[in-house]
Amino acid sequence: MTLIKSISGIRGTIGGVVGENLTPVDIVKFTSAYALFIKNSTGNPRPRVVVGRDARISGSMVHSLVTGTLIGMGCDVTDIGMATTPTTEMAVVKEAASGGIIVTASHNPKQWNALKLLNGKGEFLNAEEGNLILQLAESESFVYASVDQLGEVSYKQYLHAHIQEILKLDLVDTDAIKAARFRVAVDAVNSVGGNAVPELLYALGVKEIFKLHCAPHGNFSHNPEPLPQNLTELSSLMKSSKADVGFAVDPDVDRLVIYGENGEPFGEEYTLVAVSDYVLQHTPGNTVSNLSSTRALRDVTLQRGGKYYAAAVGEVNVVTKMKEVGAVIGGEGNGGVIYPASHYGRDALVGIALFLTHLAKSGKKVSELRADYPGYFMSKQKIELTPDIDTDALLQKIKAHYSGEEVTDIDGVKIDFPDKWVHLRKSNTEPIIRIYSEAKSLEAAEAAGKEMIEYIEKFK
């Protein structure tokens, strides 16, 4: 099956059989459930919903279905067209809307699409809200508006407003960036980042921009997940153009990956580390990342006099923890930067502005800046289980076995050793356990993961 329904939305491959793929029927059904949820939760019989999309090929079709369904449910729609996820989040607030829908499958290949659902704060729904929408979708208890009660649609562009908000941030120094005369390479994987990132860079005063795959036609030139194996062209461009820094984003621009002047990746785990280091130098405080993110953030936070907190995996969980502990910066190790001074959402554009300011003020090359941070290496493995195995009971056995170590069980089981950590999480869609491990060398990280697999085999 390639239709996945979860608390964070619905995603799947386009076409095929209803209920098994992301078909027009499934899109209308799920959008109707979201509209009913918004009406019920706000008590507003005619709520306003913001709709934006990335540039993938199916985007126009899905976007039209979503917009038409919302109108049919009696919702007014602010259609912001092709827009990044963080731009859409910001537009919800600026429009004083009751919610928002982002049509994007994030880093998934072009045959995928999805609906990401927002509340009136421009933030992702929590688990309880997501489950309620799933129930409403299954019940199909929708009542559509009569002809005189149909919603209306207005069209606006919000990228410029988003960029202006970024320029106003106290820790974004355009004078320092202009003085550095940066030459910047960009790989936007043929989606909305192709418009958004260059426009931001020009506004920041970057001297010269080298564009790679910036035409937003949605026919992705390579696998859209911003991993080193998919960014070989950006690495080559860094060397041939003699650029100072390179940026790669995913199709909806909520993940940021950085490349150095030597063509080497900065490491997606270290995007948040570097930006946090800069923020903490000027606004000391706490930080948050999810359990599967690098220990380097904790190290940098402690060095700067703050306290580090871990959250369960998932942006909504990180945001909840950030609010709870008053974090000044947070995010996820996949290149997701959440800066509350801007808004509570992963935002690659904010990440770029803060990183360039940090780089300019440091007077260092990207490779030199990277060398300032603790060196950790991460390994990601998995073990397949037969469907009859009780995964929760298995994780409890692992937890008991390592009770002498620092153990966290808010999301699977994470064991922190003095020189490494291992995090085990069960998949929600497959009978597997995902095993993340980190140590001071790749060999040690892989060995820690394999050792855990051996223990699991004994406990099965």
Protein backbone atom coordinates (compact mmCIF):
# COMPACT_ATOMS: atom_id res chain seq x y z
CA MET A 1 0.00 0.00 0.00
CA THR A 2 1.22 3.48 -0.80
CA LEU A 3 -1.43 5.42 1.09
CA ILE A 4 -0.29 6.30 4.61
CA LYS A 5 -2.73 7.90 7.04
CA SER A 6 -1.20 9.28 10.20
CA ILE A 7 -1.75 11.95 12.83
CA SER A 8 0.38 14.37 10.78
CA GLY A 9 -1.69 14.06 7.59
CA ILE A 10 -2.13 11.80 4.60
CA ARG A 11 0.48 10.89 2.02
CA GLY A 12 0.83 8.45 -0.83
CA THR A 13 1.60 7.88 -4.48
CA ILE A 14 -0.59 9.54 -7.06
CA GLY A 15 -3.12 7.46 -9.00
CA GLY A 16 -4.27 3.89 -8.60
CA VAL A 17 -7.05 2.42 -6.49
CA VAL A 18 -9.12 4.43 -4.01
CA GLY A 19 -8.04 3.72 -0.43
CA GLU A 20 -4.73 2.26 -1.52
CA ASN A 21 -3.12 5.27 -3.20
CA LEU A 22 -3.48 9.05 -3.02
CA THR A 23 -6.44 9.41 -5.37
CA PRO A 24 -8.78 12.38 -5.88
CA VAL A 25 -11.41 10.58 -3.77
CA ASP A 26 -8.99 10.18 -0.86
CA ILE A 27 -7.88 13.81 -1.12
CA VAL A 28 -11.48 15.10 -1.02
CA LYS A 29 -12.39 12.79 1.87
CA PHE A 30 -9.43 13.80 4.01
CA THR A 31 -9.77 17.53 3.24
CA SER A 32 -13.46 17.35 4.16
CA ALA A 33 -12.53 15.77 7.50
CA TYR A 34 -10.00 18.53 8.16
CA ALA A 35 -12.56 21.24 7.30
CA LEU A 36 -15.10 19.67 9.66
CA PHE A 37 -12.46 19.45 12.40
CA ILE A 38 -11.57 23.14 11.98
CA LYS A 39 -15.24 24.16 12.12
CA ASN A 40 -15.90 22.06 15.22
CA SER A 41 -12.72 23.05 17.08
CA THR A 42 -13.01 26.78 16.42
CA GLY A 43 -16.78 27.06 16.56
CA ASN A 44 -16.54 29.12 13.40
CA PRO A 45 -19.05 28.07 10.73
CA ARG A 46 -17.03 29.85 8.04
CA PRO A 47 -13.34 29.53 8.90
CA ARG A 48 -10.48 30.76 6.73
CA VAL A 49 -7.85 28.22 5.64
CA VAL A 50 -4.53 29.02 3.92
CA VAL A 51 -3.44 26.64 1.15
CA GLY A 52 0.07 26.46 -0.34
CA ARG A 53 1.99 23.83 -2.29
CA ASP A 54 5.42 22.80 -3.44
CA ALA A 55 6.28 22.50 -7.14
CA ARG A 56 5.87 18.77 -7.66
CA ILE A 57 4.10 17.64 -10.84
CA SER A 58 0.87 16.56 -9.12
CA GLY A 59 0.75 19.73 -7.03
CA SER A 60 -1.66 21.68 -9.22
CA MET A 61 -4.16 18.81 -9.32
CA VAL A 62 -4.03 18.10 -5.58
CA HIS A 63 -4.08 21.81 -4.76
CA SER A 64 -7.23 22.32 -6.86
CA LEU A 65 -9.00 19.41 -5.16
CA VAL A 66 -8.08 20.70 -1.71
CA THR A 67 -9.18 24.26 -2.47
CA GLY A 68 -12.42 23.16 -4.11
CA THR A 69 -13.28 20.86 -1.22
CA LEU A 70 -12.67 23.56 1.38
CA ILE A 71 -14.94 25.92 -0.56
CA GLY A 72 -17.52 23.16 -0.77
CA MET A 73 -17.34 22.74 3.00
CA GLY A 74 -18.10 26.44 3.44
CA CYS A 75 -14.54 27.56 4.25
CA ASP A 76 -12.95 30.71 2.87
CA VAL A 77 -9.56 30.04 1.31
CA THR A 78 -6.44 32.15 1.01
CA ASP A 79 -4.60 30.54 -1.89
CA ILE A 80 -0.88 31.44 -1.77
CA GLY A 81 0.04 29.18 -4.70
CA MET A 82 3.52 27.70 -4.82
CA ALA A 83 5.07 28.43 -1.43
CA THR A 84 7.45 26.87 1.05
CA THR A 85 6.14 25.09 4.12
CA PRO A 86 7.45 27.81 6.48
CA THR A 87 5.97 30.53 4.26
CA THR A 88 2.58 28.83 4.49
CA GLU A 89 2.92 28.55 8.26
CA MET A 90 3.66 32.25 8.51
CA ALA A 91 0.77 33.12 6.18
CA VAL A 92 -1.72 31.37 8.49
CA VAL A 93 -0.77 33.80 11.27
CA LYS A 94 -0.71 36.88 9.07
CA GLU A 95 -4.13 36.02 7.63
CA ALA A 96 -5.54 35.34 11.12
CA ALA A 97 -6.73 32.07 9.58
CA SER A 98 -8.14 29.10 11.48
CA GLY A 99 -5.71 26.68 9.84
CA GLY A 100 -3.70 25.77 6.79
CA ILE A 101 -2.97 22.91 4.41
CA ILE A 102 0.40 22.47 2.72
CA VAL A 103 0.34 20.25 -0.36
CA THR A 104 3.77 18.64 -0.22
CA ALA A 105 5.37 15.23 0.23
CA SER A 106 8.49 16.89 1.60
CA HIS A 107 11.58 14.86 0.61
CA ASN A 108 9.66 12.00 -1.06
CA PRO A 109 10.15 11.33 -4.81
CA LYS A 110 8.01 12.97 -7.47
CA GLN A 111 5.31 10.27 -7.58
CA TRP A 112 4.36 11.10 -3.98
CA ASN A 113 2.24 13.90 -2.61
CA ALA A 114 0.70 14.68 0.76
CA LEU A 115 -1.33 17.07 2.86
CA LYS A 116 0.34 18.65 5.90
CA LEU A 117 -2.17 20.11 8.33
CA LEU A 118 -1.79 23.28 10.41
CA ASN A 119 -3.72 24.87 13.26
CA GLY A 120 -4.52 28.56 13.69
CA LYS A 121 -1.01 29.26 15.01
CA GLY A 122 0.53 27.96 11.78
CA GLU A 123 1.84 24.91 13.65
CA PHE A 124 1.32 21.20 13.03
CA LEU A 125 -1.56 19.46 14.76
CA ASN A 126 -0.88 17.31 17.80
CA ALA A 127 -1.57 13.58 18.05
CA GLU A 128 -5.03 13.98 19.58
CA GLU A 129 -6.13 16.39 16.86
CA GLY A 130 -4.66 14.22 14.12
CA ASN A 131 -6.44 11.13 15.42
CA LEU A 132 -9.74 13.02 15.51
CA ILE A 133 -9.37 13.95 11.83
CA LEU A 134 -8.67 10.30 10.96
CA GLN A 135 -11.88 9.32 12.77
CA LEU A 136 -13.88 12.00 10.96
CA ALA A 137 -12.49 10.81 7.63
CA GLU A 138 -13.54 7.24 8.33
CA SER A 139 -17.03 8.25 9.45
CA GLU A 140 -17.59 10.37 6.31
CA SER A 141 -20.14 12.41 8.24
CA PHE A 142 -19.62 15.52 6.13
CA VAL A 143 -22.31 18.05 5.36
CA TYR A 144 -21.38 20.24 2.42
CA ALA A 145 -22.45 23.86 2.04
CA SER A 146 -25.47 24.97 0.03
CA VAL A 147 -24.88 27.21 -2.94
CA ASP A 148 -25.40 30.38 -0.91
CA GLN A 149 -22.99 29.21 1.81
CA LEU A 150 -20.06 28.19 -0.36
CA GLY A 151 -16.69 29.58 0.67
CA GLU A 152 -14.77 32.15 -1.33
CA VAL A 153 -11.16 32.14 -2.47
CA SER A 154 -8.64 35.00 -2.49
CA TYR A 155 -5.15 34.88 -3.96
CA LYS A 156 -2.03 36.27 -2.31
CA GLN A 157 1.75 35.89 -2.41
CA TYR A 158 3.63 35.63 0.87
CA LEU A 159 7.28 34.95 0.01
CA HIS A 160 8.23 38.64 0.09
CA ALA A 161 6.53 39.09 3.47
CA HIS A 162 8.32 36.01 4.80
CA ILE A 163 11.70 37.34 3.69
CA GLN A 164 11.00 40.76 5.17
CA GLU A 165 10.24 39.13 8.53
CA ILE A 166 13.57 37.30 8.35
CA LEU A 167 15.45 40.53 7.60
CA LYS A 168 13.90 42.10 10.70
CA LEU A 169 15.30 39.43 13.04
CA ASP A 170 17.78 40.92 15.53
CA LEU A 171 20.38 38.22 14.86
CA VAL A 172 20.30 38.58 11.07
CA ASP A 173 22.99 41.10 10.09
CA THR A 174 22.71 42.05 6.43
CA ASP A 175 25.57 44.55 6.72
CA ALA A 176 27.93 41.80 7.87
CA ILE A 177 26.76 39.50 5.07
CA LYS A 178 27.20 42.20 2.42
CA ALA A 179 30.67 43.03 3.71
CA ALA A 180 31.70 39.37 3.46
CA ARG A 181 30.90 39.40 -0.30
CA PHE A 182 29.83 35.76 -0.22
CA ARG A 183 29.62 33.62 -3.33
CA VAL A 184 26.84 31.08 -2.72
CA ALA A 185 25.78 27.93 -4.60
CA VAL A 186 22.19 26.66 -4.35
CA ASP A 187 20.58 23.31 -5.21
CA ALA A 188 16.80 23.68 -4.92
CA VAL A 189 15.88 20.33 -6.55
CA ASN A 190 13.43 21.98 -9.01
CA SER A 191 10.89 23.02 -6.39
CA VAL A 192 9.79 26.16 -4.58
CA GLY A 193 13.24 26.72 -3.10
CA GLY A 194 14.34 27.67 -6.60
CA ASN A 195 12.43 30.93 -6.16
CA ALA A 196 12.64 31.36 -2.40
CA VAL A 197 16.32 30.77 -1.68
CA PRO A 198 17.80 33.06 -4.38
CA GLU A 199 15.32 35.82 -3.48
CA LEU A 200 16.36 35.59 0.15
CA LEU A 201 20.06 35.59 -0.76
CA TYR A 202 19.68 38.69 -2.92
CA ALA A 203 17.81 40.43 -0.09
CA LEU A 204 20.60 39.51 2.34
CA GLY A 205 23.19 41.12 0.08
CA VAL A 206 24.99 38.03 -1.18
CA LYS A 207 27.49 39.03 -3.86
CA GLU A 208 27.00 36.18 -6.35
CA ILE A 209 24.66 33.18 -6.60
CA PHE A 210 25.29 29.98 -8.55
CA LYS A 211 21.96 28.28 -9.23
CA LEU A 212 21.60 24.51 -9.64
CA HIS A 213 18.18 22.96 -10.36
CA CYS A 214 16.33 26.15 -9.43
CA ALA A 215 13.63 25.97 -12.13
CA PRO A 216 10.50 25.03 -10.09
CA HIS A 217 8.92 22.58 -12.56
CA GLY A 218 8.67 19.67 -10.11
CA ASN A 219 10.45 17.12 -12.30
CA PHE A 220 13.16 16.60 -9.71
CA SER A 221 16.63 16.33 -11.20
CA HIS A 222 17.74 13.90 -8.49
CA ASN A 223 16.36 12.16 -5.43
CA PRO A 224 14.90 15.12 -3.48
CA GLU A 225 16.12 14.08 -0.05
CA PRO A 226 19.14 16.35 0.64
CA LEU A 227 21.67 13.62 1.45
CA PRO A 228 25.31 13.58 0.25
CA GLN A 229 24.71 10.79 -2.26
CA ASN A 230 22.05 12.97 -3.93
CA LEU A 231 24.08 16.20 -3.89
CA THR A 232 27.17 15.25 -5.91
CA GLU A 233 26.46 18.01 -8.44
CA LEU A 234 26.40 20.62 -5.69
CA SER A 235 29.71 19.30 -4.38
CA SER A 236 31.24 19.64 -7.86
CA LEU A 237 29.76 23.11 -8.34
CA MET A 238 31.33 24.26 -5.08
CA LYS A 239 34.76 23.42 -6.42
CA SER A 240 34.30 24.69 -9.99
CA SER A 241 32.64 27.98 -8.99
CA LYS A 242 34.92 28.57 -6.00
CA ALA A 243 31.83 29.41 -3.96
CA ASP A 244 32.22 30.16 -0.24
CA VAL A 245 29.19 28.14 0.85
CA GLY A 246 26.54 25.91 -0.69
CA PHE A 247 22.95 25.37 0.38
CA ALA A 248 20.61 22.52 -0.53
CA VAL A 249 16.96 22.32 0.50
CA ASP A 250 14.22 19.75 0.15
CA PRO A 251 11.12 20.41 -2.03
CA ASP A 252 9.17 22.30 0.66
CA VAL A 253 12.21 24.12 2.12
CA ASP A 254 11.99 23.09 5.76
CA ARG A 255 15.31 21.21 5.71
CA LEU A 256 18.68 22.89 5.16
CA VAL A 257 21.93 21.20 4.19
CA ILE A 258 25.21 23.12 3.98
CA TYR A 259 28.34 22.51 1.87
CA GLY A 260 31.76 23.94 2.49
CA GLU A 261 34.13 25.74 0.12
CA ASN A 262 36.02 22.46 -0.30
CA GLY A 263 32.97 20.68 -1.69
CA GLU A 264 32.51 18.67 1.49
CA PRO A 265 29.17 18.41 3.32
CA PHE A 266 28.94 20.30 6.60
CA GLY A 267 26.73 17.44 7.81
CA GLU A 268 22.95 17.80 8.04
CA GLU A 269 23.12 17.09 11.78
CA TYR A 270 25.39 20.12 12.16
CA THR A 271 23.11 22.68 10.49
CA LEU A 272 21.20 23.03 13.77
CA VAL A 273 24.40 22.84 15.83
CA ALA A 274 26.05 25.77 14.02
CA VAL A 275 22.94 27.95 13.98
CA SER A 276 22.31 27.19 17.66
CA ASP A 277 25.89 28.06 18.56
CA TYR A 278 25.45 31.48 16.95
CA VAL A 279 22.09 32.09 18.62
CA LEU A 280 23.37 30.99 22.04
CA GLN A 281 26.32 33.40 21.82
CA HIS A 282 23.86 36.29 21.68
CA THR A 283 20.78 34.97 23.51
CA PRO A 284 21.86 32.40 26.12
CA GLY A 285 19.22 29.83 26.97
CA ASN A 286 17.98 26.31 26.45
CA THR A 287 17.87 24.14 23.33
CA VAL A 288 15.82 21.15 22.19
CA SER A 289 16.24 18.48 19.53
CA ASN A 290 14.71 15.06 19.05
CA LEU A 291 16.21 11.89 20.52
CA SER A 292 17.76 10.82 17.21
CA SER A 293 19.72 14.05 16.71
CA THR A 294 23.44 14.52 17.35
CA ARG A 295 24.88 14.88 20.84
CA ALA A 296 26.87 17.86 19.53
CA LEU A 297 23.93 20.17 20.21
CA ARG A 298 23.98 19.19 23.87
CA ASP A 299 27.73 19.78 24.02
CA VAL A 300 27.49 23.24 22.44
CA THR A 301 24.52 24.20 24.63
CA LEU A 302 26.33 23.27 27.84
CA GLN A 303 29.44 25.10 26.65
CA ARG A 304 27.36 28.25 26.16
CA GLY A 305 25.81 27.96 29.64
CA GLY A 306 22.40 26.63 28.63
CA LYS A 307 20.53 23.39 29.24
CA TYR A 308 19.72 20.84 26.57
CA TYR A 309 16.45 18.87 26.42
CA ALA A 310 15.45 15.93 24.23
CA ALA A 311 12.01 15.47 22.67
CA ALA A 312 10.29 12.57 20.96
CA VAL A 313 10.86 12.39 17.20
CA GLY A 314 8.51 14.64 15.22
CA GLU A 315 8.37 18.40 14.74
CA VAL A 316 5.23 18.83 16.86
CA ASN A 317 6.96 17.06 19.77
CA VAL A 318 10.05 19.26 19.47
CA VAL A 319 7.91 22.42 19.39
CA THR A 320 5.92 21.30 22.44
CA LYS A 321 9.13 20.70 24.39
CA MET A 322 10.62 24.01 23.24
CA LYS A 323 7.61 25.90 24.58
CA GLU A 324 7.72 23.93 27.82
CA VAL A 325 11.37 24.77 28.58
CA GLY A 326 11.48 28.20 26.91
CA ALA A 327 14.12 27.15 24.37
CA VAL A 328 15.72 29.93 22.34
CA ILE A 329 16.52 27.56 19.46
CA GLY A 330 15.71 23.97 18.56
CA GLY A 331 14.93 21.59 15.76
CA GLU A 332 15.81 18.25 14.27
CA GLY A 333 19.03 16.69 13.06
CA ASN A 334 17.76 16.39 9.49
CA GLY A 335 18.63 20.04 8.87
CA GLY A 336 15.47 21.38 10.50
CA VAL A 337 15.98 24.71 12.32
CA ILE A 338 13.18 26.04 14.55
CA TYR A 339 13.78 29.60 15.72
CA PRO A 340 10.98 30.89 18.00
CA ALA A 341 11.94 34.54 17.42
CA SER A 342 10.63 33.94 13.91
CA HIS A 343 8.00 31.19 14.32
CA TYR A 344 7.61 27.65 15.67
CA GLY A 345 8.32 25.71 12.49
CA ARG A 346 11.33 24.26 10.67
CA ASP A 347 12.52 26.96 8.31
CA ALA A 348 15.47 26.60 5.93
CA LEU A 349 15.26 30.29 4.98
CA VAL A 350 15.69 31.41 8.58
CA GLY A 351 18.52 28.86 8.89
CA ILE A 352 20.31 30.33 5.86
CA ALA A 353 20.07 33.89 7.17
CA LEU A 354 21.37 32.96 10.63
CA PHE A 355 24.15 30.74 9.26
CA LEU A 356 25.40 33.38 6.82
CA THR A 357 25.48 35.95 9.62
CA HIS A 358 27.39 33.49 11.82
CA LEU A 359 29.84 32.74 9.00
CA ALA A 360 30.36 36.43 8.23
CA LYS A 361 30.98 37.40 11.84
CA SER A 362 33.31 34.45 12.44
CA GLY A 363 35.60 35.46 9.58
CA LYS A 364 36.19 31.74 8.92
CA LYS A 365 35.71 29.42 5.99
CA VAL A 366 32.87 26.90 6.27
CA SER A 367 35.34 24.03 6.73
CA GLU A 368 37.07 25.93 9.54
CA LEU A 369 33.76 26.64 11.26
CA ARG A 370 32.80 22.97 11.06
CA ALA A 371 36.10 22.02 12.71
CA ASP A 372 35.10 24.06 15.78
CA TYR A 373 32.31 21.63 16.66
CA PRO A 374 32.50 18.21 18.35
CA GLY A 375 33.08 15.39 15.89
CA TYR A 376 30.39 12.72 15.97
CA PHE A 377 29.36 10.13 13.42
CA MET A 378 25.92 8.59 13.05
CA SER A 379 24.80 5.19 11.81
CA LYS A 380 21.24 4.22 10.84
CA GLN A 381 20.32 0.54 10.74
CA LYS A 382 17.20 -1.57 11.12
CA ILE A 383 16.17 -5.07 12.06
CA GLU A 384 13.18 -6.83 10.53
CA LEU A 385 10.74 -8.60 12.82
CA THR A 386 8.02 -11.12 12.17
CA PRO A 387 4.53 -9.61 12.61
CA ASP A 388 3.79 -11.84 15.60
CA ILE A 389 6.57 -10.33 17.75
CA ASP A 390 5.47 -7.92 20.48
CA THR A 391 7.73 -4.97 19.67
CA ASP A 392 6.80 -3.01 22.80
CA ALA A 393 7.64 -5.96 25.05
CA LEU A 394 10.93 -6.38 23.19
CA LEU A 395 11.87 -2.75 23.79
CA GLN A 396 11.03 -3.15 27.48
CA LYS A 397 13.48 -6.03 27.68
CA ILE A 398 16.17 -3.86 26.09
CA LYS A 399 15.39 -1.07 28.55
CA ALA A 400 15.70 -3.44 31.53
CA HIS A 401 18.93 -4.93 30.21
CA TYR A 402 20.56 -1.48 30.06
CA SER A 403 19.03 -0.11 33.26
CA GLY A 404 22.50 0.73 34.55
CA GLU A 405 22.93 3.32 31.78
CA GLU A 406 21.08 6.58 31.15
CA VAL A 407 17.85 5.41 29.49
CA THR A 408 15.10 7.57 27.92
CA ASP A 409 11.80 5.98 26.89
CA ILE A 410 9.62 8.87 25.71
CA ASP A 411 9.96 7.57 22.13
CA GLY A 412 11.15 3.99 21.86
CA VAL A 413 14.26 3.41 23.94
CA LYS A 414 17.44 5.48 23.89
CA ILE A 415 20.52 4.37 25.80
CA ASP A 416 23.14 7.04 26.49
CA PHE A 417 26.61 5.67 27.15
CA PRO A 418 29.49 7.98 28.15
CA ASP A 419 31.02 7.92 24.66
CA LYS A 420 28.05 7.01 22.42
CA TRP A 421 24.29 6.49 22.26
CA VAL A 422 21.85 4.09 20.63
CA HIS A 423 18.19 4.86 19.92
CA LEU A 424 15.64 2.17 19.02
CA ARG A 425 12.24 3.08 17.57
CA LYS A 426 9.57 0.83 16.16
CA SER A 427 8.18 1.71 12.74
CA ASN A 428 4.52 2.67 12.51
CA THR A 429 4.20 1.20 9.02
CA GLU A 430 6.48 -1.86 8.95
CA PRO A 431 7.39 -4.72 11.32
CA ILE A 432 10.88 -3.33 11.92
CA ILE A 433 12.87 -1.56 14.61
CA ARG A 434 14.97 1.38 13.46
CA ILE A 435 18.31 1.66 15.20
CA TYR A 436 20.16 5.00 15.31
CA SER A 437 23.58 5.17 16.91
CA GLU A 438 26.24 7.86 17.30
CA ALA A 439 29.87 7.77 18.41
CA LYS A 440 33.21 9.52 17.88
CA SER A 441 33.88 7.45 14.73
CA LEU A 442 31.68 5.89 12.05
CA GLU A 443 33.12 2.48 12.83
CA ALA A 444 32.22 2.82 16.50
CA ALA A 445 28.70 4.04 15.65
CA GLU A 446 28.10 1.11 13.30
CA ALA A 447 29.50 -1.32 15.86
CA ALA A 448 27.15 0.04 18.53
CA GLY A 449 24.17 -0.50 16.24
CA LYS A 450 25.26 -4.03 15.32
CA GLU A 451 25.79 -4.88 18.97
CA MET A 452 22.22 -3.79 19.68
CA ILE A 453 20.94 -5.94 16.82
CA GLU A 454 22.71 -8.94 18.35
CA TYR A 455 20.98 -8.31 21.70
CA ILE A 456 17.62 -7.99 19.97
CA GLU A 457 18.16 -11.33 18.25
CA LYS A 458 18.68 -12.92 21.67
CA PHE A 459 15.55 -11.35 23.12
CA LYS A 460 13.22 -12.16 20.22
